[in-house]
Amino acid sequence: MNDPVYGQMPQGYPGYPPTIPSAVPPQRKKWPWFVGGAAILLLFLCCCGVAGFFVFAGKEIDDESEEEHEVVYALTGDGDVAAVSYSTDEGGNIAQETQASLPWRKELTRKGFFRTYTLTAQRDSGGEGSLTCTITVDGKELASNTSTGPYAAVVCSADSSEENE
């Protein structure tokens, strides 16, 4: 079989039309590459944004967890107090003092952003009189309560949501 010469029609098989070789290769579609590239770019930007958010949020949480708060527990009233209990940290630890004299005051420095504060007390002897508790955090009074009567008991509690109001 002879090679076709330029300008000459190639010979086909008998009974079939002649074939013409294609001088231009078929073109591939370009839009799938653009769509794929845009999708990859969008995915990359989303991942960077999410990672940046978590880095920023993690730093904010870490900073607030290290923030110190001055807590003042106080009791005022008549007579003596048989028992005083107050929260000392977020681990649920409670301290107790017995036979406390009024007025009574305890100052603590606490860290953390989940803050709950509790103070309970009960008068020692019968008879009429009052007992008042207060919880102050960073100079702001968060809770106050008063009870009167024989063996009066008083409870104050506050949490961080009350502090932010």
Protein backbone atom coordinates (compact mmCIF):
# COMPACT_ATOMS: atom_id res chain seq x y z
CA MET A 1 0.00 0.00 0.00
CA ASN A 2 1.34 3.35 -0.90
CA ASP A 3 1.31 6.37 1.38
CA PRO A 4 -0.95 9.16 0.15
CA VAL A 5 0.83 12.12 -1.23
CA TYR A 6 -0.11 15.58 -0.15
CA GLY A 7 -2.99 16.90 -2.16
CA GLN A 8 -4.01 13.45 -3.31
CA MET A 9 -7.15 11.81 -2.06
CA PRO A 10 -6.45 8.66 -0.13
CA GLN A 11 -7.71 5.49 -1.64
CA GLY A 12 -10.41 3.66 0.26
CA TYR A 13 -11.51 0.09 0.12
CA PRO A 14 -13.52 -0.94 -2.90
CA GLY A 15 -17.18 -0.14 -2.39
CA TYR A 16 -16.49 2.32 0.48
CA PRO A 17 -15.98 6.05 0.26
CA PRO A 18 -12.42 7.26 0.68
CA THR A 19 -11.31 8.27 4.19
CA ILE A 20 -9.69 11.61 4.94
CA PRO A 21 -7.21 11.69 7.79
CA SER A 22 -7.90 14.38 10.37
CA ALA A 23 -5.22 17.04 10.48
CA VAL A 24 -6.54 18.53 13.75
CA PRO A 25 -6.75 16.36 16.88
CA PRO A 26 -10.11 16.44 18.66
CA GLN A 27 -10.31 19.28 21.21
CA ARG A 28 -10.94 18.47 24.83
CA LYS A 29 -13.55 20.37 26.77
CA LYS A 30 -12.03 22.99 29.06
CA TRP A 31 -14.96 23.73 31.35
CA PRO A 32 -14.49 20.62 33.56
CA TRP A 33 -10.98 21.86 34.40
CA PHE A 34 -12.29 25.30 35.37
CA VAL A 35 -15.11 23.84 37.46
CA GLY A 36 -12.74 21.37 39.15
CA GLY A 37 -10.17 24.08 39.84
CA ALA A 38 -12.83 26.41 41.27
CA ALA A 39 -14.16 23.60 43.50
CA ILE A 40 -10.68 22.81 44.82
CA LEU A 41 -10.01 26.51 45.46
CA LEU A 42 -13.33 26.87 47.28
CA LEU A 43 -12.63 23.78 49.39
CA PHE A 44 -9.16 25.11 50.27
CA LEU A 45 -10.57 28.51 51.29
CA CYS A 46 -13.27 26.87 53.42
CA CYS A 47 -10.70 24.70 55.19
CA CYS A 48 -8.51 27.73 55.86
CA GLY A 49 -11.49 29.64 57.21
CA VAL A 50 -12.55 26.82 59.54
CA ALA A 51 -8.99 26.31 60.77
CA GLY A 52 -8.63 30.06 61.36
CA PHE A 53 -11.89 30.13 63.31
CA PHE A 54 -10.77 27.31 65.60
CA VAL A 55 -7.38 28.91 66.19
CA PHE A 56 -9.04 32.23 67.07
CA ALA A 57 -11.75 30.61 69.22
CA GLY A 58 -9.20 28.42 70.99
CA LYS A 59 -7.11 31.46 71.89
CA GLU A 60 -10.16 33.31 73.21
CA ILE A 61 -11.18 30.33 75.35
CA ASP A 62 -7.64 29.90 76.64
CA ASP A 63 -7.39 33.60 77.51
CA GLU A 64 -10.69 33.59 79.36
CA SER A 65 -9.88 30.37 81.22
CA GLU A 66 -6.77 32.07 82.62
CA GLU A 67 -8.62 35.23 83.62
CA GLU A 68 -8.64 35.81 87.40
CA HIS A 69 -11.67 36.99 89.35
CA GLU A 70 -11.80 38.43 92.86
CA VAL A 71 -14.61 36.78 94.84
CA VAL A 72 -15.86 38.10 98.18
CA TYR A 73 -18.23 36.04 100.32
CA ALA A 74 -19.77 38.01 103.22
CA LEU A 75 -22.20 37.40 106.09
CA THR A 76 -23.79 40.01 108.34
CA GLY A 77 -26.43 39.75 111.00
CA ASP A 78 -27.12 39.12 114.69
CA GLY A 79 -25.48 36.55 116.95
CA ASP A 80 -23.03 33.84 115.99
CA VAL A 81 -23.03 31.48 113.04
CA ALA A 82 -22.82 27.73 113.61
CA ALA A 83 -21.59 26.81 110.13
CA VAL A 84 -20.50 28.58 106.95
CA SER A 85 -19.90 26.74 103.67
CA TYR A 86 -18.66 28.29 100.43
CA SER A 87 -17.41 27.09 97.05
CA THR A 88 -13.68 27.47 96.49
CA ASP A 89 -13.22 26.48 92.81
CA GLU A 90 -14.86 24.93 89.78
CA GLY A 91 -13.90 21.42 90.84
CA GLY A 92 -16.86 21.39 93.22
CA ASN A 93 -14.69 21.89 96.29
CA ILE A 94 -16.44 23.34 99.32
CA ALA A 95 -14.79 24.86 102.38
CA GLN A 96 -16.51 25.01 105.76
CA GLU A 97 -15.95 27.07 108.87
CA THR A 98 -17.70 26.54 112.18
CA GLN A 99 -18.47 28.96 115.00
CA ALA A 100 -17.80 32.02 112.83
CA SER A 101 -18.32 35.49 114.28
CA LEU A 102 -20.38 38.10 112.47
CA PRO A 103 -19.61 40.02 110.39
CA TRP A 104 -17.77 37.30 108.45
CA ARG A 105 -15.87 37.80 105.16
CA LYS A 106 -13.81 35.57 102.87
CA GLU A 107 -11.85 36.81 99.82
CA LEU A 108 -10.69 34.40 97.09
CA THR A 109 -9.09 34.66 93.66
CA ARG A 110 -10.56 32.21 91.15
CA LYS A 111 -9.73 31.42 87.54
CA GLY A 112 -11.92 30.12 84.75
CA PHE A 113 -14.90 31.02 82.63
CA PHE A 114 -17.41 28.55 84.10
CA ARG A 115 -17.99 30.31 87.39
CA THR A 116 -20.46 29.21 90.02
CA TYR A 117 -20.45 30.62 93.51
CA THR A 118 -22.26 29.34 96.59
CA LEU A 119 -22.41 30.55 100.19
CA THR A 120 -24.56 28.96 102.90
CA ALA A 121 -24.77 29.72 106.61
CA GLN A 122 -26.91 28.98 109.66
CA ARG A 123 -27.22 30.87 112.94
CA ASP A 124 -25.91 29.12 116.01
CA SER A 125 -28.46 30.00 118.63
CA GLY A 126 -32.20 30.44 118.82
CA GLY A 127 -33.90 33.75 119.26
CA GLU A 128 -34.88 36.39 116.83
CA GLY A 129 -32.37 37.92 114.49
CA SER A 130 -31.33 38.08 110.87
CA LEU A 131 -28.59 36.66 108.75
CA THR A 132 -27.64 38.13 105.35
CA CYS A 133 -25.26 36.67 102.77
CA THR A 134 -23.73 38.39 99.74
CA ILE A 135 -21.52 37.24 96.88
CA THR A 136 -19.47 39.89 95.08
CA VAL A 137 -17.30 39.16 92.02
CA ASP A 138 -14.88 41.75 90.66
CA GLY A 139 -16.68 44.45 92.65
CA LYS A 140 -20.16 43.57 91.36
CA GLU A 141 -22.72 42.09 93.74
CA LEU A 142 -24.14 38.97 92.12
CA ALA A 143 -26.30 37.57 94.91
CA SER A 144 -27.80 38.60 98.23
CA ASN A 145 -30.27 36.90 100.54
CA THR A 146 -31.60 37.43 104.07
CA SER A 147 -33.23 35.05 106.52
CA THR A 148 -34.67 35.80 109.98
CA GLY A 149 -35.77 33.81 112.96
CA PRO A 150 -34.40 31.16 115.31
CA TYR A 151 -31.66 29.07 113.71
CA ALA A 152 -32.02 31.12 110.52
CA ALA A 153 -30.34 29.59 107.48
CA VAL A 154 -29.39 31.54 104.40
CA VAL A 155 -28.21 30.50 100.92
CA CYS A 156 -26.66 32.65 98.19
CA SER A 157 -25.69 31.31 94.79
CA ALA A 158 -24.68 32.89 91.51
CA ASP A 159 -23.22 31.85 88.19
CA SER A 160 -21.35 33.51 85.33
CA SER A 161 -24.54 34.21 83.37
CA GLU A 162 -25.80 36.42 86.20
CA GLU A 163 -22.47 38.27 86.20
CA ASN A 164 -22.84 39.17 82.51
CA GLU A 165 -26.37 40.58 82.79
